[in-house]
Amino acid sequence: MASSSSSSPTMDVKIETEDQNTFTLRIGQNDTVYAVKARICKTTGTPVFHQILRFNGRTLDNSFYIHTYEITHNSRLSLCIQDPLADLGGFPAPPIKAELLLNVAKHPEPFLNLSVYISETVLQLKQKVLQHCQGLPPPDRLGVYMYGKRHELQDAKCLSDYGLSSGSKLDVFIKPPPGPLPPPTRKKGNIQVLTPCGKLLYLQVKPRRKVRVLRAELERLQMLEQFELPPDYFFVHNFNVLDETMSFLGNFVEKDDEIEIVGGSIHFLIENLRKTDEIHIFTCRFSPLLEA
């Protein structure tokens, strides 16, 4: 098993298609099945909602995490494509059209009325916007958001995944061009918390409070700060797993120290580390746990 980051170990899996072709895909143990299908969409062009993934005879649920199914390095997953004629007795499903209202940056009109199919992806929507509006940057510089909200729609997802229909409103903004990152500014807080997606949070905690208070604070912040918490996780500080029933002081967490959120169950992690003979970054990082 390979590991590209400390918070989400990655691995290669084999995807077998119905026409007996096989390709390799790198995924993370903490990826959702939906995220894996989105990567397959980028590789093969097959829309997510047309894909059925199976492992050991089980159909994988979009909302579940990969580690839930005990998928490991070099596992073989079968990819089936849903028959669009199956549910309609051999007749193709009529495509569903929707008239969307788009508030497009730099567009002279308040809203651009755009006719689309809800089976199209967000990326295809961006390409249609470029056909109707002059002077906009490429699709990767455009951000599509639900009207008046901060949640960005993902390129690989279909419009139907977001429940869009005729009359739905969207914001289309221009993202700033890539360039050198500004020097980090010190934010208010006495500890730093690194999320699985790499976002660093600065939080103010009392040294004598129990570590478990972090969970409630992270639940409150995940929508505000735009990050996602795994369904199961634990905290690591200086290569040690924190005891959440003890205080920050009791866990030797000092001012400006960094605490990392690691997805998965600590018991699941220990069991897997004991089973493998491979030496890699992830194993070495948690080797003290094997002596417990």
C-alpha atoms as a PDB file:
ATOM      1  CA  MET A   1       0.000   0.000   0.000  1.00  0.00           C
ATOM      2  CA  ALA A   2       1.263   3.460  -0.874  1.00  0.00           C
ATOM      3  CA  SER A   3       0.740   6.622   1.136  1.00  0.00           C
ATOM      4  CA  SER A   4       0.685  10.059  -0.439  1.00  0.00           C
ATOM      5  CA  SER A   5      -0.480  11.956   2.635  1.00  0.00           C
ATOM      6  CA  SER A   6      -0.476  11.448   6.353  1.00  0.00           C
ATOM      7  CA  SER A   7      -4.247  11.749   6.648  1.00  0.00           C
ATOM      8  CA  SER A   8      -5.475   9.566   3.793  1.00  0.00           C
ATOM      9  CA  PRO A   9      -3.374   6.542   2.715  1.00  0.00           C
ATOM     10  CA  THR A  10      -3.709   5.816  -0.980  1.00  0.00           C
ATOM     11  CA  MET A  11      -3.564   2.599  -2.944  1.00  0.00           C
ATOM     12  CA  ASP A  12      -3.944   1.272  -6.472  1.00  0.00           C
ATOM     13  CA  VAL A  13      -6.989  -0.789  -7.430  1.00  0.00           C
ATOM     14  CA  LYS A  14      -7.830  -2.574 -10.679  1.00  0.00           C
ATOM     15  CA  ILE A  15     -11.050  -1.580 -12.450  1.00  0.00           C
ATOM     16  CA  GLU A  16     -12.441  -4.297 -14.738  1.00  0.00           C
ATOM     17  CA  THR A  17     -14.943  -3.186 -17.367  1.00  0.00           C
ATOM     18  CA  GLU A  18     -17.662  -5.251 -19.019  1.00  0.00           C
ATOM     19  CA  ASP A  19     -15.623  -5.547 -22.230  1.00  0.00           C
ATOM     20  CA  GLN A  20     -12.809  -7.272 -20.284  1.00  0.00           C
ATOM     21  CA  ASN A  21     -10.527  -4.235 -20.239  1.00  0.00           C
ATOM     22  CA  THR A  22      -8.685  -3.382 -17.020  1.00  0.00           C
ATOM     23  CA  PHE A  23      -7.149  -0.119 -15.862  1.00  0.00           C
ATOM     24  CA  THR A  24      -5.477   0.982 -12.653  1.00  0.00           C
ATOM     25  CA  LEU A  25      -6.902   3.749 -10.487  1.00  0.00           C
ATOM     26  CA  ARG A  26      -5.286   5.370  -7.458  1.00  0.00           C
ATOM     27  CA  ILE A  27      -7.776   5.977  -4.656  1.00  0.00           C
ATOM     28  CA  GLY A  28      -7.738   6.791  -0.943  1.00  0.00           C
ATOM     29  CA  GLN A  29      -9.047   4.618   1.861  1.00  0.00           C
ATOM     30  CA  ASN A  30     -11.073   7.598   3.066  1.00  0.00           C
ATOM     31  CA  ASP A  31     -12.566   8.346  -0.378  1.00  0.00           C
ATOM     32  CA  THR A  32     -16.289   7.848  -0.798  1.00  0.00           C
ATOM     33  CA  VAL A  33     -17.510   5.508  -3.527  1.00  0.00           C
ATOM     34  CA  TYR A  34     -18.923   8.601  -5.234  1.00  0.00           C
ATOM     35  CA  ALA A  35     -15.443  10.205  -5.315  1.00  0.00           C
ATOM     36  CA  VAL A  36     -14.017   7.037  -6.920  1.00  0.00           C
ATOM     37  CA  LYS A  37     -16.756   7.094  -9.567  1.00  0.00           C
ATOM     38  CA  ALA A  38     -15.944  10.750 -10.261  1.00  0.00           C
ATOM     39  CA  ARG A  39     -12.326   9.738 -10.974  1.00  0.00           C
ATOM     40  CA  ILE A  40     -13.543   6.962 -13.258  1.00  0.00           C
ATOM     41  CA  CYS A  41     -15.686   9.568 -15.044  1.00  0.00           C
ATOM     42  CA  LYS A  42     -12.582  11.677 -15.682  1.00  0.00           C
ATOM     43  CA  THR A  43     -10.722   8.602 -17.001  1.00  0.00           C
ATOM     44  CA  THR A  44     -13.433   6.973 -19.132  1.00  0.00           C
ATOM     45  CA  GLY A  45     -16.003   9.725 -19.658  1.00  0.00           C
ATOM     46  CA  THR A  46     -18.773   7.546 -18.191  1.00  0.00           C
ATOM     47  CA  PRO A  47     -21.127   9.716 -16.065  1.00  0.00           C
ATOM     48  CA  VAL A  48     -21.232   8.845 -12.396  1.00  0.00           C
ATOM     49  CA  PHE A  49     -24.954   8.002 -12.401  1.00  0.00           C
ATOM     50  CA  HIS A  50     -24.361   5.404 -15.177  1.00  0.00           C
ATOM     51  CA  GLN A  51     -21.741   3.510 -13.147  1.00  0.00           C
ATOM     52  CA  ILE A  52     -22.256   0.455 -10.945  1.00  0.00           C
ATOM     53  CA  LEU A  53     -19.196  -0.624  -8.933  1.00  0.00           C
ATOM     54  CA  ARG A  54     -19.015  -4.081  -7.344  1.00  0.00           C
ATOM     55  CA  PHE A  55     -16.467  -5.734  -5.080  1.00  0.00           C
ATOM     56  CA  ASN A  56     -16.675  -9.396  -4.070  1.00  0.00           C
ATOM     57  CA  GLY A  57     -20.223  -9.500  -5.409  1.00  0.00           C
ATOM     58  CA  ARG A  58     -21.394  -6.473  -3.398  1.00  0.00           C
ATOM     59  CA  THR A  59     -22.678  -3.317  -5.056  1.00  0.00           C
ATOM     60  CA  LEU A  60     -20.925  -0.285  -3.573  1.00  0.00           C
ATOM     61  CA  ASP A  61     -23.085   2.516  -2.177  1.00  0.00           C
ATOM     62  CA  ASN A  62     -22.138   6.049  -3.304  1.00  0.00           C
ATOM     63  CA  SER A  63     -22.258   7.467   0.222  1.00  0.00           C
ATOM     64  CA  PHE A  64     -20.015   4.818   1.833  1.00  0.00           C
ATOM     65  CA  TYR A  65     -16.264   5.081   2.336  1.00  0.00           C
ATOM     66  CA  ILE A  66     -13.855   2.719   0.568  1.00  0.00           C
ATOM     67  CA  HIS A  67     -12.456   1.310   3.818  1.00  0.00           C
ATOM     68  CA  THR A  68     -16.020   0.247   4.762  1.00  0.00           C
ATOM     69  CA  TYR A  69     -15.810  -2.522   2.146  1.00  0.00           C
ATOM     70  CA  GLU A  70     -12.293  -3.663   3.221  1.00  0.00           C
ATOM     71  CA  ILE A  71     -10.918  -2.801  -0.214  1.00  0.00           C
ATOM     72  CA  THR A  72      -7.111  -3.027  -0.137  1.00  0.00           C
ATOM     73  CA  HIS A  73      -4.137  -2.401  -2.419  1.00  0.00           C
ATOM     74  CA  ASN A  74      -4.513  -4.203  -5.799  1.00  0.00           C
ATOM     75  CA  SER A  75      -8.139  -5.199  -5.135  1.00  0.00           C
ATOM     76  CA  ARG A  76     -10.186  -5.768  -8.301  1.00  0.00           C
ATOM     77  CA  LEU A  77     -13.450  -3.856  -8.704  1.00  0.00           C
ATOM     78  CA  SER A  78     -15.900  -4.581 -11.502  1.00  0.00           C
ATOM     79  CA  LEU A  79     -17.437  -1.661 -13.367  1.00  0.00           C
ATOM     80  CA  CYS A  80     -20.821  -2.097 -15.024  1.00  0.00           C
ATOM     81  CA  ILE A  81     -22.619   0.517 -17.086  1.00  0.00           C
ATOM     82  CA  GLN A  82     -26.346   0.905 -16.467  1.00  0.00           C
ATOM     83  CA  ASP A  83     -28.489   0.210 -19.532  1.00  0.00           C
ATOM     84  CA  PRO A  84     -30.413   3.435 -20.237  1.00  0.00           C
ATOM     85  CA  LEU A  85     -33.105   1.370 -22.015  1.00  0.00           C
ATOM     86  CA  ALA A  86     -33.636  -1.181 -19.244  1.00  0.00           C
ATOM     87  CA  ASP A  87     -36.362   0.635 -17.326  1.00  0.00           C
ATOM     88  CA  LEU A  88     -38.403   1.634 -20.361  1.00  0.00           C
ATOM     89  CA  GLY A  89     -38.891  -1.643 -22.250  1.00  0.00           C
ATOM     90  CA  GLY A  90     -36.213  -0.914 -24.865  1.00  0.00           C
ATOM     91  CA  PHE A  91     -37.152   2.707 -25.508  1.00  0.00           C
ATOM     92  CA  PRO A  92     -34.555   5.345 -24.663  1.00  0.00           C
ATOM     93  CA  ALA A  93     -35.336   7.530 -21.680  1.00  0.00           C
ATOM     94  CA  PRO A  94     -36.376  10.979 -22.837  1.00  0.00           C
ATOM     95  CA  PRO A  95     -33.740  13.512 -21.758  1.00  0.00           C
ATOM     96  CA  ILE A  96     -35.031  15.976 -19.176  1.00  0.00           C
ATOM     97  CA  LYS A  97     -34.484  19.603 -20.055  1.00  0.00           C
ATOM     98  CA  ALA A  98     -34.291  22.476 -17.624  1.00  0.00           C
ATOM     99  CA  GLU A  99     -34.181  26.247 -18.044  1.00  0.00           C
ATOM    100  CA  LEU A 100     -31.587  27.558 -15.604  1.00  0.00           C
ATOM    101  CA  LEU A 101     -31.077  31.171 -14.580  1.00  0.00           C
ATOM    102  CA  LEU A 102     -27.391  31.993 -14.260  1.00  0.00           C
ATOM    103  CA  ASN A 103     -25.957  35.080 -12.612  1.00  0.00           C
ATOM    104  CA  VAL A 104     -22.737  35.224 -14.665  1.00  0.00           C
ATOM    105  CA  ALA A 105     -19.838  37.506 -13.768  1.00  0.00           C
ATOM    106  CA  LYS A 106     -19.303  40.327 -16.327  1.00  0.00           C
ATOM    107  CA  HIS A 107     -22.546  39.442 -18.152  1.00  0.00           C
ATOM    108  CA  PRO A 108     -24.572  42.572 -19.010  1.00  0.00           C
ATOM    109  CA  GLU A 109     -27.937  41.012 -18.125  1.00  0.00           C
ATOM    110  CA  PRO A 110     -28.922  40.196 -14.519  1.00  0.00           C
ATOM    111  CA  PHE A 111     -29.504  36.543 -15.462  1.00  0.00           C
ATOM    112  CA  LEU A 112     -28.532  34.352 -18.415  1.00  0.00           C
ATOM    113  CA  ASN A 113     -31.350  31.954 -19.334  1.00  0.00           C
ATOM    114  CA  LEU A 114     -29.687  28.686 -20.380  1.00  0.00           C
ATOM    115  CA  SER A 115     -31.369  25.505 -21.605  1.00  0.00           C
ATOM    116  CA  VAL A 116     -29.596  22.327 -20.433  1.00  0.00           C
ATOM    117  CA  TYR A 117     -30.196  18.638 -19.804  1.00  0.00           C
ATOM    118  CA  ILE A 118     -30.069  17.727 -16.116  1.00  0.00           C
ATOM    119  CA  SER A 119     -27.999  14.644 -17.027  1.00  0.00           C
ATOM    120  CA  GLU A 120     -25.173  16.951 -18.132  1.00  0.00           C
ATOM    121  CA  THR A 121     -22.209  17.567 -15.862  1.00  0.00           C
ATOM    122  CA  VAL A 122     -21.232  20.858 -14.249  1.00  0.00           C
ATOM    123  CA  LEU A 123     -18.227  20.962 -16.582  1.00  0.00           C
ATOM    124  CA  GLN A 124     -20.548  20.747 -19.604  1.00  0.00           C
ATOM    125  CA  LEU A 125     -22.606  23.579 -18.123  1.00  0.00           C
ATOM    126  CA  LYS A 126     -19.453  25.738 -17.896  1.00  0.00           C
ATOM    127  CA  GLN A 127     -18.671  24.993 -21.545  1.00  0.00           C
ATOM    128  CA  LYS A 128     -22.165  26.126 -22.545  1.00  0.00           C
ATOM    129  CA  VAL A 129     -21.733  29.322 -20.536  1.00  0.00           C
ATOM    130  CA  LEU A 130     -18.524  30.043 -22.480  1.00  0.00           C
ATOM    131  CA  GLN A 131     -20.423  29.613 -25.756  1.00  0.00           C
ATOM    132  CA  HIS A 132     -22.926  32.295 -24.713  1.00  0.00           C
ATOM    133  CA  CYS A 133     -20.636  34.745 -22.912  1.00  0.00           C
ATOM    134  CA  GLN A 134     -17.570  36.464 -24.328  1.00  0.00           C
ATOM    135  CA  GLY A 135     -14.435  37.349 -22.409  1.00  0.00           C
ATOM    136  CA  LEU A 136     -14.641  34.646 -19.751  1.00  0.00           C
ATOM    137  CA  PRO A 137     -11.607  32.520 -18.741  1.00  0.00           C
ATOM    138  CA  PRO A 138     -11.381  28.719 -19.291  1.00  0.00           C
ATOM    139  CA  PRO A 139     -13.677  26.348 -17.339  1.00  0.00           C
ATOM    140  CA  ASP A 140     -11.094  25.667 -14.618  1.00  0.00           C
ATOM    141  CA  ARG A 141     -11.217  29.378 -13.736  1.00  0.00           C
ATOM    142  CA  LEU A 142     -15.019  29.390 -13.424  1.00  0.00           C
ATOM    143  CA  GLY A 143     -16.793  28.504 -10.188  1.00  0.00           C
ATOM    144  CA  VAL A 144     -20.456  27.491 -10.230  1.00  0.00           C
ATOM    145  CA  TYR A 145     -22.394  27.917  -6.981  1.00  0.00           C
ATOM    146  CA  MET A 146     -25.968  27.529  -5.816  1.00  0.00           C
ATOM    147  CA  TYR A 147     -27.449  31.035  -5.950  1.00  0.00           C
ATOM    148  CA  GLY A 148     -26.478  33.051  -2.894  1.00  0.00           C
ATOM    149  CA  LYS A 149     -24.552  30.162  -1.287  1.00  0.00           C
ATOM    150  CA  ARG A 150     -20.866  29.365  -0.868  1.00  0.00           C
ATOM    151  CA  HIS A 151     -20.920  25.673  -1.820  1.00  0.00           C
ATOM    152  CA  GLU A 152     -19.178  25.124  -5.180  1.00  0.00           C
ATOM    153  CA  LEU A 153     -20.616  22.558  -7.608  1.00  0.00           C
ATOM    154  CA  GLN A 154     -18.082  19.906  -8.652  1.00  0.00           C
ATOM    155  CA  ASP A 155     -17.197  19.502 -12.348  1.00  0.00           C
ATOM    156  CA  ALA A 156     -17.654  15.704 -12.456  1.00  0.00           C
ATOM    157  CA  LYS A 157     -21.122  15.729 -10.879  1.00  0.00           C
ATOM    158  CA  CYS A 158     -24.326  15.886 -12.876  1.00  0.00           C
ATOM    159  CA  LEU A 159     -26.784  18.759 -12.554  1.00  0.00           C
ATOM    160  CA  SER A 160     -29.382  16.243 -11.369  1.00  0.00           C
ATOM    161  CA  ASP A 161     -27.130  15.384  -8.409  1.00  0.00           C
ATOM    162  CA  TYR A 162     -27.811  18.880  -7.069  1.00  0.00           C
ATOM    163  CA  GLY A 163     -31.581  18.658  -7.618  1.00  0.00           C
ATOM    164  CA  LEU A 164     -31.578  21.371 -10.306  1.00  0.00           C
ATOM    165  CA  SER A 165     -34.704  21.899 -12.380  1.00  0.00           C
ATOM    166  CA  SER A 166     -36.330  24.607 -14.495  1.00  0.00           C
ATOM    167  CA  GLY A 167     -36.159  27.937 -12.706  1.00  0.00           C
ATOM    168  CA  SER A 168     -33.146  27.009 -10.554  1.00  0.00           C
ATOM    169  CA  LYS A 169     -30.698  29.865 -10.081  1.00  0.00           C
ATOM    170  CA  LEU A 170     -26.902  29.599 -10.060  1.00  0.00           C
ATOM    171  CA  ASP A 171     -23.990  31.968  -9.564  1.00  0.00           C
ATOM    172  CA  VAL A 172     -21.034  31.752 -11.962  1.00  0.00           C
ATOM    173  CA  PHE A 173     -17.947  33.510 -10.620  1.00  0.00           C
ATOM    174  CA  ILE A 174     -14.429  33.964 -11.971  1.00  0.00           C
ATOM    175  CA  LYS A 175     -11.721  32.446  -9.785  1.00  0.00           C
ATOM    176  CA  PRO A 176      -8.465  34.376  -9.310  1.00  0.00           C
ATOM    177  CA  PRO A 177      -5.600  33.244 -11.554  1.00  0.00           C
ATOM    178  CA  PRO A 178      -3.071  30.823 -10.045  1.00  0.00           C
ATOM    179  CA  GLY A 179       0.005  32.486  -8.664  1.00  0.00           C
ATOM    180  CA  PRO A 180       2.344  32.546  -5.702  1.00  0.00           C
ATOM    181  CA  LEU A 181       0.504  32.128  -2.450  1.00  0.00           C
ATOM    182  CA  PRO A 182       0.597  35.080  -0.078  1.00  0.00           C
ATOM    183  CA  PRO A 183       2.513  34.556   3.165  1.00  0.00           C
ATOM    184  CA  PRO A 184       0.281  32.901   5.763  1.00  0.00           C
ATOM    185  CA  THR A 185      -1.259  35.246   8.277  1.00  0.00           C
ATOM    186  CA  ARG A 186      -1.341  34.226  11.907  1.00  0.00           C
ATOM    187  CA  LYS A 187      -4.922  33.721  12.956  1.00  0.00           C
ATOM    188  CA  LYS A 188      -6.293  33.898  16.455  1.00  0.00           C
ATOM    189  CA  GLY A 189      -6.023  30.604  18.292  1.00  0.00           C
ATOM    190  CA  ASN A 190      -3.683  28.699  20.575  1.00  0.00           C
ATOM    191  CA  ILE A 191      -3.665  25.343  18.724  1.00  0.00           C
ATOM    192  CA  GLN A 192      -3.686  24.321  15.066  1.00  0.00           C
ATOM    193  CA  VAL A 193      -5.870  21.509  13.713  1.00  0.00           C
ATOM    194  CA  LEU A 194      -5.044  19.915  10.344  1.00  0.00           C
ATOM    195  CA  THR A 195      -8.115  18.499   8.553  1.00  0.00           C
ATOM    196  CA  PRO A 196      -8.014  15.451   6.200  1.00  0.00           C
ATOM    197  CA  CYS A 197      -8.299  17.777   3.163  1.00  0.00           C
ATOM    198  CA  GLY A 198      -5.201  19.724   4.265  1.00  0.00           C
ATOM    199  CA  LYS A 199      -6.997  22.783   5.642  1.00  0.00           C
ATOM    200  CA  LEU A 200      -5.363  24.259   8.750  1.00  0.00           C
ATOM    201  CA  LEU A 201      -7.682  25.614  11.451  1.00  0.00           C
ATOM    202  CA  TYR A 202      -6.631  27.875  14.312  1.00  0.00           C
ATOM    203  CA  LEU A 203      -8.707  27.168  17.403  1.00  0.00           C
ATOM    204  CA  GLN A 204      -8.825  28.654  20.877  1.00  0.00           C
ATOM    205  CA  VAL A 205      -9.067  25.991  23.592  1.00  0.00           C
ATOM    206  CA  LYS A 206      -8.566  25.914  27.334  1.00  0.00           C
ATOM    207  CA  PRO A 207      -5.615  23.679  28.311  1.00  0.00           C
ATOM    208  CA  ARG A 208      -7.606  21.966  31.065  1.00  0.00           C
ATOM    209  CA  ARG A 209     -10.615  21.116  28.852  1.00  0.00           C
ATOM    210  CA  LYS A 210     -10.938  17.537  27.614  1.00  0.00           C
ATOM    211  CA  VAL A 211      -9.797  16.854  24.046  1.00  0.00           C
ATOM    212  CA  ARG A 212     -13.269  15.595  23.074  1.00  0.00           C
ATOM    213  CA  VAL A 213     -14.559  19.201  23.031  1.00  0.00           C
ATOM    214  CA  LEU A 214     -12.773  19.464  19.662  1.00  0.00           C
ATOM    215  CA  ARG A 215     -15.401  17.244  18.030  1.00  0.00           C
ATOM    216  CA  ALA A 216     -18.293  19.608  18.747  1.00  0.00           C
ATOM    217  CA  GLU A 217     -16.236  22.598  17.580  1.00  0.00           C
ATOM    218  CA  LEU A 218     -15.245  20.847  14.319  1.00  0.00           C
ATOM    219  CA  GLU A 219     -18.874  19.859  13.641  1.00  0.00           C
ATOM    220  CA  ARG A 220     -19.798  23.530  14.025  1.00  0.00           C
ATOM    221  CA  LEU A 221     -16.990  24.760  11.776  1.00  0.00           C
ATOM    222  CA  GLN A 222     -17.121  22.288   8.882  1.00  0.00           C
ATOM    223  CA  MET A 223     -19.870  24.130   6.985  1.00  0.00           C
ATOM    224  CA  LEU A 224     -18.444  27.562   7.777  1.00  0.00           C
ATOM    225  CA  GLU A 225     -14.867  26.663   6.813  1.00  0.00           C
ATOM    226  CA  GLN A 226     -15.854  24.377   3.893  1.00  0.00           C
ATOM    227  CA  PHE A 227     -14.224  21.082   4.903  1.00  0.00           C
ATOM    228  CA  GLU A 228     -15.603  17.575   5.411  1.00  0.00           C
ATOM    229  CA  LEU A 229     -15.105  15.369   8.454  1.00  0.00           C
ATOM    230  CA  PRO A 230     -14.830  11.584   7.975  1.00  0.00           C
ATOM    231  CA  PRO A 231     -17.584   9.559   9.668  1.00  0.00           C
ATOM    232  CA  ASP A 232     -14.960   8.084  11.990  1.00  0.00           C
ATOM    233  CA  TYR A 233     -11.694   9.755  12.998  1.00  0.00           C
ATOM    234  CA  PHE A 234      -9.199  10.299  15.784  1.00  0.00           C
ATOM    235  CA  PHE A 235      -6.608  12.932  16.753  1.00  0.00           C
ATOM    236  CA  VAL A 236      -2.822  12.646  16.486  1.00  0.00           C
ATOM    237  CA  HIS A 237      -0.268  14.934  18.140  1.00  0.00           C
ATOM    238  CA  ASN A 238       3.506  14.431  17.872  1.00  0.00           C
ATOM    239  CA  PHE A 239       2.974  10.852  16.564  1.00  0.00           C
ATOM    240  CA  ASN A 240       0.744   9.992  19.515  1.00  0.00           C
ATOM    241  CA  VAL A 241      -2.990   9.319  19.447  1.00  0.00           C
ATOM    242  CA  LEU A 242      -4.706  11.700  21.858  1.00  0.00           C
ATOM    243  CA  ASP A 243      -6.771  10.332  24.726  1.00  0.00           C
ATOM    244  CA  GLU A 244      -9.997  12.321  24.297  1.00  0.00           C
ATOM    245  CA  THR A 245     -11.080  11.651  27.881  1.00  0.00           C
ATOM    246  CA  MET A 246      -8.033  13.579  29.118  1.00  0.00           C
ATOM    247  CA  SER A 247      -7.276  17.297  28.925  1.00  0.00           C
ATOM    248  CA  PHE A 248      -5.044  18.964  26.354  1.00  0.00           C
ATOM    249  CA  LEU A 249      -2.598  19.545  29.185  1.00  0.00           C
ATOM    250  CA  GLY A 250      -2.716  15.856  30.140  1.00  0.00           C
ATOM    251  CA  ASN A 251      -1.936  14.949  26.500  1.00  0.00           C
ATOM    252  CA  PHE A 252       1.061  17.345  26.554  1.00  0.00           C
ATOM    253  CA  VAL A 253      -0.490  19.654  23.932  1.00  0.00           C
ATOM    254  CA  GLU A 254       1.176  23.051  24.224  1.00  0.00           C
ATOM    255  CA  LYS A 255       0.481  26.497  22.752  1.00  0.00           C
ATOM    256  CA  ASP A 256       0.736  26.623  18.911  1.00  0.00           C
ATOM    257  CA  ASP A 257       1.037  22.812  18.650  1.00  0.00           C
ATOM    258  CA  GLU A 258      -0.556  21.065  15.685  1.00  0.00           C
ATOM    259  CA  ILE A 259      -3.179  18.332  16.062  1.00  0.00           C
ATOM    260  CA  GLU A 260      -4.050  16.227  13.019  1.00  0.00           C
ATOM    261  CA  ILE A 261      -7.412  14.643  12.212  1.00  0.00           C
ATOM    262  CA  VAL A 262      -6.881  11.092  10.891  1.00  0.00           C
ATOM    263  CA  GLY A 263      -9.825   9.389   9.200  1.00  0.00           C
ATOM    264  CA  GLY A 264     -10.885   5.882  10.209  1.00  0.00           C
ATOM    265  CA  SER A 265     -11.018   3.872  13.406  1.00  0.00           C
ATOM    266  CA  ILE A 266      -7.884   3.616  15.525  1.00  0.00           C
ATOM    267  CA  HIS A 267      -8.662  -0.061  16.191  1.00  0.00           C
ATOM    268  CA  PHE A 268      -9.051  -0.697  12.445  1.00  0.00           C
ATOM    269  CA  LEU A 269      -5.718   1.041  11.816  1.00  0.00           C
ATOM    270  CA  ILE A 270      -3.812  -0.958  14.448  1.00  0.00           C
ATOM    271  CA  GLU A 271      -5.224  -4.246  13.137  1.00  0.00           C
ATOM    272  CA  ASN A 272      -4.153  -3.422   9.568  1.00  0.00           C
ATOM    273  CA  LEU A 273      -0.690  -2.288  10.592  1.00  0.00           C
ATOM    274  CA  ARG A 274      -0.144  -5.553  12.438  1.00  0.00           C
ATOM    275  CA  LYS A 275      -1.141  -7.569   9.363  1.00  0.00           C
ATOM    276  CA  THR A 276       1.253  -5.907   6.901  1.00  0.00           C
ATOM    277  CA  ASP A 277       4.985  -6.553   6.538  1.00  0.00           C
ATOM    278  CA  GLU A 278       5.513  -3.553   4.264  1.00  0.00           C
ATOM    279  CA  ILE A 279       7.572  -0.649   5.561  1.00  0.00           C
ATOM    280  CA  HIS A 280       6.176   2.658   4.414  1.00  0.00           C
ATOM    281  CA  ILE A 281       5.653   6.146   5.760  1.00  0.00           C
ATOM    282  CA  PHE A 282       2.216   5.463   7.164  1.00  0.00           C
ATOM    283  CA  THR A 283       3.358   2.365   9.094  1.00  0.00           C
ATOM    284  CA  CYS A 284       6.473   4.042  10.469  1.00  0.00           C
ATOM    285  CA  ARG A 285       4.410   7.019  11.551  1.00  0.00           C
ATOM    286  CA  PHE A 286       2.176   4.916  13.774  1.00  0.00           C
ATOM    287  CA  SER A 287       4.694   2.245  14.777  1.00  0.00           C
ATOM    288  CA  PRO A 288       4.413   3.157  18.508  1.00  0.00           C
ATOM    289  CA  LEU A 289       0.810   1.899  18.385  1.00  0.00           C
ATOM    290  CA  LEU A 290       1.979  -1.606  17.484  1.00  0.00           C
ATOM    291  CA  GLU A 291       3.684  -1.917  20.850  1.00  0.00           C
ATOM    292  CA  ALA A 292       0.433  -1.163  22.711  1.00  0.00           C
END
